[in-house]
Amino acid sequence: MVEGKRRSRTLRRVHVRTPGGNTVIHYKARKPSRPHCSSCGTVLHGSKAILSRALRSMPKTQKRPERPYGGVLCSACMRRTIIEQARR
């Protein structure tokens, strides 16, 4: 029987062939989904889809774009928001 902590689908199941010819299951962490724009929902470019433990060791400029609302809004929504603020 599988260990209790392995029964949930928190970890993904990867079938690996060993040198002896057997196929075994390795349990690996799931990759996170790509970041999305909070306004329109499109995938954000310039932001990486990696685990938070890997983000800790990355410099700030590689985590998200260096512009207003970088990593939150896409470039089109960011432009629209800045224009709306300037008109107020």
PDB file of N, CA and C in Angstrom:
ATOM      1  N   MET A   1       0.847  -1.193   0.000  1.00  0.00           N
ATOM      2  CA  MET A   1       0.000   0.000   0.000  1.00  0.00           C
ATOM      3  C   MET A   1       0.885   1.246   0.000  1.00  0.00           C
ATOM      4  N   VAL A   2       0.399   2.271  -0.618  1.00  0.00           N
ATOM      5  CA  VAL A   2       1.136   3.529  -0.720  1.00  0.00           C
ATOM      6  C   VAL A   2       1.034   4.288   0.593  1.00  0.00           C
ATOM      7  N   GLU A   3       2.108   5.031   0.906  1.00  0.00           N
ATOM      8  CA  GLU A   3       2.073   5.866   2.106  1.00  0.00           C
ATOM      9  C   GLU A   3       0.919   6.860   2.018  1.00  0.00           C
ATOM     10  N   GLY A   4       0.386   7.257   3.157  1.00  0.00           N
ATOM     11  CA  GLY A   4      -0.741   8.181   3.181  1.00  0.00           C
ATOM     12  C   GLY A   4      -0.436   9.509   2.534  1.00  0.00           C
ATOM     13  N   LYS A   5       0.780  10.008   2.731  1.00  0.00           N
ATOM     14  CA  LYS A   5       1.126  11.303   2.155  1.00  0.00           C
ATOM     15  C   LYS A   5       1.245  11.251   0.633  1.00  0.00           C
ATOM     16  N   ARG A   6       1.339  10.049   0.060  1.00  0.00           N
ATOM     17  CA  ARG A   6       1.458   9.910  -1.383  1.00  0.00           C
ATOM     18  C   ARG A   6       0.108   9.675  -2.068  1.00  0.00           C
ATOM     19  N   ARG A   7      -0.957   9.492  -1.300  1.00  0.00           N
ATOM     20  CA  ARG A   7      -2.257   9.180  -1.898  1.00  0.00           C
ATOM     21  C   ARG A   7      -2.926  10.394  -2.526  1.00  0.00           C
ATOM     22  N   SER A   8      -2.643  11.578  -2.007  1.00  0.00           N
ATOM     23  CA  SER A   8      -3.259  12.773  -2.590  1.00  0.00           C
ATOM     24  C   SER A   8      -2.531  13.132  -3.882  1.00  0.00           C
ATOM     25  N   ARG A   9      -3.130  14.009  -4.657  1.00  0.00           N
ATOM     26  CA  ARG A   9      -2.524  14.417  -5.923  1.00  0.00           C
ATOM     27  C   ARG A   9      -1.743  15.723  -5.771  1.00  0.00           C
ATOM     28  N   THR A  10      -1.307  16.033  -4.541  1.00  0.00           N
ATOM     29  CA  THR A  10      -0.484  17.218  -4.329  1.00  0.00           C
ATOM     30  C   THR A  10       0.816  17.082  -5.106  1.00  0.00           C
ATOM     31  N   LEU A  11       1.407  15.906  -5.064  1.00  0.00           N
ATOM     32  CA  LEU A  11       2.612  15.628  -5.836  1.00  0.00           C
ATOM     33  C   LEU A  11       2.212  14.895  -7.109  1.00  0.00           C
ATOM     34  N   ARG A  12       2.827  15.250  -8.227  1.00  0.00           N
ATOM     35  CA  ARG A  12       2.497  14.565  -9.473  1.00  0.00           C
ATOM     36  C   ARG A  12       3.255  13.251  -9.550  1.00  0.00           C
ATOM     37  N   ARG A  13       2.721  12.315 -10.279  1.00  0.00           N
ATOM     38  CA  ARG A  13       3.309  10.979 -10.397  1.00  0.00           C
ATOM     39  C   ARG A  13       4.041  10.864 -11.727  1.00  0.00           C
ATOM     40  N   VAL A  14       5.312  10.538 -11.642  1.00  0.00           N
ATOM     41  CA  VAL A  14       6.150  10.425 -12.834  1.00  0.00           C
ATOM     42  C   VAL A  14       6.622   8.979 -12.929  1.00  0.00           C
ATOM     43  N   HIS A  15       6.336   8.338 -14.040  1.00  0.00           N
ATOM     44  CA  HIS A  15       6.781   6.957 -14.256  1.00  0.00           C
ATOM     45  C   HIS A  15       8.204   6.997 -14.796  1.00  0.00           C
ATOM     46  N   VAL A  16       9.111   6.315 -14.076  1.00  0.00           N
ATOM     47  CA  VAL A  16      10.532   6.334 -14.416  1.00  0.00           C
ATOM     48  C   VAL A  16      11.001   4.904 -14.607  1.00  0.00           C
ATOM     49  N   ARG A  17      11.728   4.671 -15.684  1.00  0.00           N
ATOM     50  CA  ARG A  17      12.293   3.343 -15.909  1.00  0.00           C
ATOM     51  C   ARG A  17      13.677   3.284 -15.284  1.00  0.00           C
ATOM     52  N   THR A  18      13.895   2.303 -14.436  1.00  0.00           N
ATOM     53  CA  THR A  18      15.171   2.146 -13.744  1.00  0.00           C
ATOM     54  C   THR A  18      16.142   1.361 -14.628  1.00  0.00           C
ATOM     55  N   PRO A  19      17.427   1.396 -14.295  1.00  0.00           N
ATOM     56  CA  PRO A  19      18.401   0.636 -15.094  1.00  0.00           C
ATOM     57  C   PRO A  19      18.120  -0.862 -15.125  1.00  0.00           C
ATOM     58  N   GLY A  20      17.443  -1.395 -14.113  1.00  0.00           N
ATOM     59  CA  GLY A  20      17.128  -2.820 -14.096  1.00  0.00           C
ATOM     60  C   GLY A  20      15.972  -3.186 -14.995  1.00  0.00           C
ATOM     61  N   GLY A  21      15.309  -2.190 -15.600  1.00  0.00           N
ATOM     62  CA  GLY A  21      14.205  -2.474 -16.513  1.00  0.00           C
ATOM     63  C   GLY A  21      12.840  -2.325 -15.881  1.00  0.00           C
ATOM     64  N   ASN A  22      12.778  -2.086 -14.572  1.00  0.00           N
ATOM     65  CA  ASN A  22      11.484  -1.915 -13.909  1.00  0.00           C
ATOM     66  C   ASN A  22      10.989  -0.485 -14.095  1.00  0.00           C
ATOM     67  N   THR A  23       9.687  -0.329 -14.047  1.00  0.00           N
ATOM     68  CA  THR A  23       9.096   1.008 -14.081  1.00  0.00           C
ATOM     69  C   THR A  23       8.589   1.313 -12.682  1.00  0.00           C
ATOM     70  N   VAL A  24       9.060   2.427 -12.110  1.00  0.00           N
ATOM     71  CA  VAL A  24       8.656   2.817 -10.766  1.00  0.00           C
ATOM     72  C   VAL A  24       8.035   4.205 -10.829  1.00  0.00           C
ATOM     73  N   ILE A  25       7.326   4.578  -9.776  1.00  0.00           N
ATOM     74  CA  ILE A  25       6.692   5.891  -9.716  1.00  0.00           C
ATOM     75  C   ILE A  25       7.508   6.785  -8.809  1.00  0.00           C
ATOM     76  N   HIS A  26       7.932   7.944  -9.347  1.00  0.00           N
ATOM     77  CA  HIS A  26       8.562   8.979  -8.542  1.00  0.00           C
ATOM     78  C   HIS A  26       7.542  10.072  -8.323  1.00  0.00           C
ATOM     79  N   TYR A  27       7.537  10.669  -7.134  1.00  0.00           N
ATOM     80  CA  TYR A  27       6.603  11.722  -6.788  1.00  0.00           C
ATOM     81  C   TYR A  27       7.345  13.047  -6.815  1.00  0.00           C
ATOM     82  N   LYS A  28       6.916  13.957  -7.685  1.00  0.00           N
ATOM     83  CA  LYS A  28       7.584  15.245  -7.830  1.00  0.00           C
ATOM     84  C   LYS A  28       6.575  16.371  -7.624  1.00  0.00           C
ATOM     85  N   ALA A  29       7.093  17.537  -7.242  1.00  0.00           N
ATOM     86  CA  ALA A  29       6.221  18.697  -7.028  1.00  0.00           C
ATOM     87  C   ALA A  29       5.639  19.159  -8.351  1.00  0.00           C
ATOM     88  N   ARG A  30       4.409  19.615  -8.310  1.00  0.00           N
ATOM     89  CA  ARG A  30       3.771  20.142  -9.510  1.00  0.00           C
ATOM     90  C   ARG A  30       4.329  21.517  -9.836  1.00  0.00           C
ATOM     91  N   LYS A  31       4.412  21.828 -11.104  1.00  0.00           N
ATOM     92  CA  LYS A  31       4.866  23.145 -11.514  1.00  0.00           C
ATOM     93  C   LYS A  31       3.700  24.126 -11.384  1.00  0.00           C
ATOM     94  N   PRO A  32       3.971  25.342 -10.904  1.00  0.00           N
ATOM     95  CA  PRO A  32       2.880  26.314 -10.786  1.00  0.00           C
ATOM     96  C   PRO A  32       2.453  26.831 -12.157  1.00  0.00           C
ATOM     97  N   SER A  33       1.229  27.352 -12.212  1.00  0.00           N
ATOM     98  CA  SER A  33       0.738  27.901 -13.472  1.00  0.00           C
ATOM     99  C   SER A  33       1.385  29.252 -13.744  1.00  0.00           C
ATOM    100  N   ARG A  34       1.338  29.685 -14.991  1.00  0.00           N
ATOM    101  CA  ARG A  34       1.921  30.967 -15.368  1.00  0.00           C
ATOM    102  C   ARG A  34       1.137  32.101 -14.722  1.00  0.00           C
ATOM    103  N   PRO A  35       1.807  33.219 -14.362  1.00  0.00           N
ATOM    104  CA  PRO A  35       1.077  34.353 -13.798  1.00  0.00           C
ATOM    105  C   PRO A  35       0.173  35.002 -14.851  1.00  0.00           C
ATOM    106  N   HIS A  36      -0.990  35.500 -14.403  1.00  0.00           N
ATOM    107  CA  HIS A  36      -1.972  36.100 -15.294  1.00  0.00           C
ATOM    108  C   HIS A  36      -2.235  37.546 -14.900  1.00  0.00           C
ATOM    109  N   CYS A  37      -2.660  38.333 -15.887  1.00  0.00           N
ATOM    110  CA  CYS A  37      -3.035  39.727 -15.662  1.00  0.00           C
ATOM    111  C   CYS A  37      -4.278  39.755 -14.776  1.00  0.00           C
ATOM    112  N   SER A  38      -4.284  40.631 -13.765  1.00  0.00           N
ATOM    113  CA  SER A  38      -5.414  40.680 -12.849  1.00  0.00           C
ATOM    114  C   SER A  38      -6.619  41.370 -13.470  1.00  0.00           C
ATOM    115  N   SER A  39      -6.428  42.052 -14.585  1.00  0.00           N
ATOM    116  CA  SER A  39      -7.530  42.758 -15.220  1.00  0.00           C
ATOM    117  C   SER A  39      -8.177  41.919 -16.325  1.00  0.00           C
ATOM    118  N   CYS A  40      -7.380  41.497 -17.300  1.00  0.00           N
ATOM    119  CA  CYS A  40      -7.957  40.789 -18.447  1.00  0.00           C
ATOM    120  C   CYS A  40      -7.709  39.284 -18.418  1.00  0.00           C
ATOM    121  N   GLY A  41      -6.754  38.812 -17.624  1.00  0.00           N
ATOM    122  CA  GLY A  41      -6.533  37.376 -17.480  1.00  0.00           C
ATOM    123  C   GLY A  41      -5.557  36.767 -18.462  1.00  0.00           C
ATOM    124  N   THR A  42      -4.900  37.567 -19.305  1.00  0.00           N
ATOM    125  CA  THR A  42      -3.925  36.998 -20.232  1.00  0.00           C
ATOM    126  C   THR A  42      -2.650  36.617 -19.479  1.00  0.00           C
ATOM    127  N   VAL A  43      -1.861  35.739 -20.077  1.00  0.00           N
ATOM    128  CA  VAL A  43      -0.613  35.299 -19.454  1.00  0.00           C
ATOM    129  C   VAL A  43       0.386  36.451 -19.491  1.00  0.00           C
ATOM    130  N   LEU A  44       1.059  36.697 -18.361  1.00  0.00           N
ATOM    131  CA  LEU A  44       2.028  37.780 -18.275  1.00  0.00           C
ATOM    132  C   LEU A  44       3.362  37.336 -18.842  1.00  0.00           C
ATOM    133  N   HIS A  45       3.935  38.164 -19.710  1.00  0.00           N
ATOM    134  CA  HIS A  45       5.257  37.898 -20.259  1.00  0.00           C
ATOM    135  C   HIS A  45       6.283  38.527 -19.333  1.00  0.00           C
ATOM    136  N   GLY A  46       7.430  37.902 -19.207  1.00  0.00           N
ATOM    137  CA  GLY A  46       8.488  38.445 -18.363  1.00  0.00           C
ATOM    138  C   GLY A  46       8.436  37.956 -16.933  1.00  0.00           C
ATOM    139  N   SER A  47       7.400  37.206 -16.558  1.00  0.00           N
ATOM    140  CA  SER A  47       7.308  36.618 -15.226  1.00  0.00           C
ATOM    141  C   SER A  47       7.447  35.111 -15.372  1.00  0.00           C
ATOM    142  N   LYS A  48       8.277  34.517 -14.557  1.00  0.00           N
ATOM    143  CA  LYS A  48       8.549  33.093 -14.673  1.00  0.00           C
ATOM    144  C   LYS A  48       7.536  32.271 -13.890  1.00  0.00           C
ATOM    145  N   ALA A  49       7.267  31.076 -14.364  1.00  0.00           N
ATOM    146  CA  ALA A  49       6.379  30.139 -13.685  1.00  0.00           C
ATOM    147  C   ALA A  49       7.243  29.097 -12.986  1.00  0.00           C
ATOM    148  N   ILE A  50       7.798  29.465 -11.835  1.00  0.00           N
ATOM    149  CA  ILE A  50       8.637  28.537 -11.084  1.00  0.00           C
ATOM    150  C   ILE A  50       8.184  28.527  -9.634  1.00  0.00           C
ATOM    151  N   LEU A  51       8.675  27.556  -8.881  1.00  0.00           N
ATOM    152  CA  LEU A  51       8.287  27.416  -7.483  1.00  0.00           C
ATOM    153  C   LEU A  51       8.801  28.580  -6.648  1.00  0.00           C
ATOM    154  N   SER A  52       8.114  28.869  -5.563  1.00  0.00           N
ATOM    155  CA  SER A  52       8.472  30.018  -4.728  1.00  0.00           C
ATOM    156  C   SER A  52       9.854  29.851  -4.106  1.00  0.00           C
ATOM    157  N   ARG A  53      10.281  28.620  -3.855  1.00  0.00           N
ATOM    158  CA  ARG A  53      11.611  28.435  -3.271  1.00  0.00           C
ATOM    159  C   ARG A  53      12.699  28.815  -4.271  1.00  0.00           C
ATOM    160  N   ALA A  54      12.424  28.667  -5.568  1.00  0.00           N
ATOM    161  CA  ALA A  54      13.386  29.091  -6.583  1.00  0.00           C
ATOM    162  C   ALA A  54      13.335  30.603  -6.777  1.00  0.00           C
ATOM    163  N   LEU A  55      12.177  31.209  -6.575  1.00  0.00           N
ATOM    164  CA  LEU A  55      12.057  32.663  -6.699  1.00  0.00           C
ATOM    165  C   LEU A  55      12.876  33.381  -5.634  1.00  0.00           C
ATOM    166  N   ARG A  56      13.040  32.766  -4.470  1.00  0.00           N
ATOM    167  CA  ARG A  56      13.774  33.409  -3.379  1.00  0.00           C
ATOM    168  C   ARG A  56      15.224  33.687  -3.748  1.00  0.00           C
ATOM    169  N   SER A  57      15.812  32.829  -4.559  1.00  0.00           N
ATOM    170  CA  SER A  57      17.222  32.985  -4.893  1.00  0.00           C
ATOM    171  C   SER A  57      17.435  33.835  -6.150  1.00  0.00           C
ATOM    172  N   MET A  58      16.351  34.236  -6.821  1.00  0.00           N
ATOM    173  CA  MET A  58      16.478  35.043  -8.034  1.00  0.00           C
ATOM    174  C   MET A  58      16.526  36.522  -7.680  1.00  0.00           C
ATOM    175  N   PRO A  59      17.248  37.331  -8.461  1.00  0.00           N
ATOM    176  CA  PRO A  59      17.212  38.772  -8.240  1.00  0.00           C
ATOM    177  C   PRO A  59      15.837  39.342  -8.584  1.00  0.00           C
ATOM    178  N   LYS A  60      15.530  40.492  -7.993  1.00  0.00           N
ATOM    179  CA  LYS A  60      14.206  41.096  -8.148  1.00  0.00           C
ATOM    180  C   LYS A  60      13.877  41.389  -9.608  1.00  0.00           C
ATOM    181  N   THR A  61      14.869  41.799 -10.400  1.00  0.00           N
ATOM    182  CA  THR A  61      14.600  42.186 -11.779  1.00  0.00           C
ATOM    183  C   THR A  61      14.254  40.996 -12.663  1.00  0.00           C
ATOM    184  N   GLN A  62      14.559  39.779 -12.240  1.00  0.00           N
ATOM    185  CA  GLN A  62      14.194  38.607 -13.030  1.00  0.00           C
ATOM    186  C   GLN A  62      12.839  38.037 -12.612  1.00  0.00           C
ATOM    187  N   LYS A  63      12.300  38.509 -11.493  1.00  0.00           N
ATOM    188  CA  LYS A  63      11.021  37.981 -11.023  1.00  0.00           C
ATOM    189  C   LYS A  63       9.839  38.582 -11.763  1.00  0.00           C
ATOM    190  N   ARG A  64       9.953  39.868 -12.159  1.00  0.00           N
ATOM    191  CA  ARG A  64       8.860  40.535 -12.850  1.00  0.00           C
ATOM    192  C   ARG A  64       9.428  41.749 -13.583  1.00  0.00           C
ATOM    193  N   PRO A  65       8.698  42.304 -14.557  1.00  0.00           N
ATOM    194  CA  PRO A  65       9.209  43.432 -15.342  1.00  0.00           C
ATOM    195  C   PRO A  65       9.381  44.692 -14.494  1.00  0.00           C
ATOM    196  N   GLU A  66      10.341  45.509 -14.872  1.00  0.00           N
ATOM    197  CA  GLU A  66      10.624  46.763 -14.172  1.00  0.00           C
ATOM    198  C   GLU A  66       9.808  47.887 -14.795  1.00  0.00           C
ATOM    199  N   ARG A  67       8.533  47.935 -14.484  1.00  0.00           N
ATOM    200  CA  ARG A  67       7.659  49.011 -14.935  1.00  0.00           C
ATOM    201  C   ARG A  67       6.500  49.118 -13.964  1.00  0.00           C
ATOM    202  N   PRO A  68       5.721  50.202 -14.022  1.00  0.00           N
ATOM    203  CA  PRO A  68       4.568  50.297 -13.124  1.00  0.00           C
ATOM    204  C   PRO A  68       3.629  49.103 -13.323  1.00  0.00           C
ATOM    205  N   TYR A  69       3.135  48.559 -12.237  1.00  0.00           N
ATOM    206  CA  TYR A  69       2.254  47.382 -12.232  1.00  0.00           C
ATOM    207  C   TYR A  69       2.926  46.160 -12.843  1.00  0.00           C
ATOM    208  N   GLY A  70       4.254  46.095 -12.825  1.00  0.00           N
ATOM    209  CA  GLY A  70       4.972  44.954 -13.378  1.00  0.00           C
ATOM    210  C   GLY A  70       4.673  43.693 -12.587  1.00  0.00           C
ATOM    211  N   GLY A  71       4.304  42.631 -13.268  1.00  0.00           N
ATOM    212  CA  GLY A  71       3.955  41.375 -12.615  1.00  0.00           C
ATOM    213  C   GLY A  71       2.522  41.318 -12.146  1.00  0.00           C
ATOM    214  N   VAL A  72       1.748  42.398 -12.344  1.00  0.00           N
ATOM    215  CA  VAL A  72       0.341  42.422 -11.933  1.00  0.00           C
ATOM    216  C   VAL A  72      -0.561  42.603 -13.144  1.00  0.00           C
ATOM    217  N   LEU A  73      -0.241  43.602 -13.988  1.00  0.00           N
ATOM    218  CA  LEU A  73      -1.031  43.880 -15.186  1.00  0.00           C
ATOM    219  C   LEU A  73      -0.193  43.630 -16.431  1.00  0.00           C
ATOM    220  N   CYS A  74      -0.868  43.257 -17.523  1.00  0.00           N
ATOM    221  CA  CYS A  74      -0.169  43.141 -18.801  1.00  0.00           C
ATOM    222  C   CYS A  74       0.109  44.549 -19.317  1.00  0.00           C
ATOM    223  N   SER A  75       0.915  44.668 -20.366  1.00  0.00           N
ATOM    224  CA  SER A  75       1.326  45.992 -20.831  1.00  0.00           C
ATOM    225  C   SER A  75       0.143  46.800 -21.349  1.00  0.00           C
ATOM    226  N   ALA A  76      -0.816  46.162 -22.012  1.00  0.00           N
ATOM    227  CA  ALA A  76      -1.974  46.884 -22.543  1.00  0.00           C
ATOM    228  C   ALA A  76      -2.843  47.428 -21.410  1.00  0.00           C
ATOM    229  N   CYS A  77      -3.109  46.612 -20.396  1.00  0.00           N
ATOM    230  CA  CYS A  77      -3.926  47.060 -19.261  1.00  0.00           C
ATOM    231  C   CYS A  77      -3.180  48.107 -18.445  1.00  0.00           C
ATOM    232  N   MET A  78      -1.856  47.989 -18.345  1.00  0.00           N
ATOM    233  CA  MET A  78      -1.059  48.975 -17.626  1.00  0.00           C
ATOM    234  C   MET A  78      -1.154  50.333 -18.308  1.00  0.00           C
ATOM    235  N   ARG A  79      -1.049  50.356 -19.636  1.00  0.00           N
ATOM    236  CA  ARG A  79      -1.172  51.613 -20.377  1.00  0.00           C
ATOM    237  C   ARG A  79      -2.549  52.228 -20.182  1.00  0.00           C
ATOM    238  N   ARG A  80      -3.592  51.396 -20.263  1.00  0.00           N
ATOM    239  CA  ARG A  80      -4.956  51.877 -20.093  1.00  0.00           C
ATOM    240  C   ARG A  80      -5.157  52.467 -18.698  1.00  0.00           C
ATOM    241  N   THR A  81      -4.609  51.813 -17.672  1.00  0.00           N
ATOM    242  CA  THR A  81      -4.745  52.283 -16.292  1.00  0.00           C
ATOM    243  C   THR A  81      -4.037  53.617 -16.088  1.00  0.00           C
ATOM    244  N   ILE A  82      -2.836  53.759 -16.638  1.00  0.00           N
ATOM    245  CA  ILE A  82      -2.086  55.006 -16.487  1.00  0.00           C
ATOM    246  C   ILE A  82      -2.806  56.153 -17.192  1.00  0.00           C
ATOM    247  N   ILE A  83      -3.391  55.899 -18.372  1.00  0.00           N
ATOM    248  CA  ILE A  83      -4.137  56.933 -19.089  1.00  0.00           C
ATOM    249  C   ILE A  83      -5.368  57.344 -18.303  1.00  0.00           C
ATOM    250  N   GLU A  84      -6.075  56.371 -17.712  1.00  0.00           N
ATOM    251  CA  GLU A  84      -7.261  56.690 -16.902  1.00  0.00           C
ATOM    252  C   GLU A  84      -6.887  57.544 -15.694  1.00  0.00           C
ATOM    253  N   GLN A  85      -5.775  57.228 -15.047  1.00  0.00           N
ATOM    254  CA  GLN A  85      -5.333  58.005 -13.881  1.00  0.00           C
ATOM    255  C   GLN A  85      -4.949  59.408 -14.281  1.00  0.00           C
ATOM    256  N   ALA A  86      -4.322  59.581 -15.447  1.00  0.00           N
ATOM    257  CA  ALA A  86      -3.918  60.908 -15.897  1.00  0.00           C
ATOM    258  C   ALA A  86      -5.130  61.764 -16.251  1.00  0.00           C
ATOM    259  N   ARG A  87      -6.181  61.151 -16.717  1.00  0.00           N
ATOM    260  CA  ARG A  87      -7.392  61.905 -17.098  1.00  0.00           C
ATOM    261  C   ARG A  87      -8.207  62.345 -15.898  1.00  0.00           C
ATOM    262  N   ARG A  88      -8.041  61.711 -14.747  1.00  0.00           N
ATOM    263  CA  ARG A  88      -8.774  62.102 -13.533  1.00  0.00           C
ATOM    264  C   ARG A  88      -8.239  63.336 -12.915  1.00  0.00           C
TER     265      ARG A  88
END
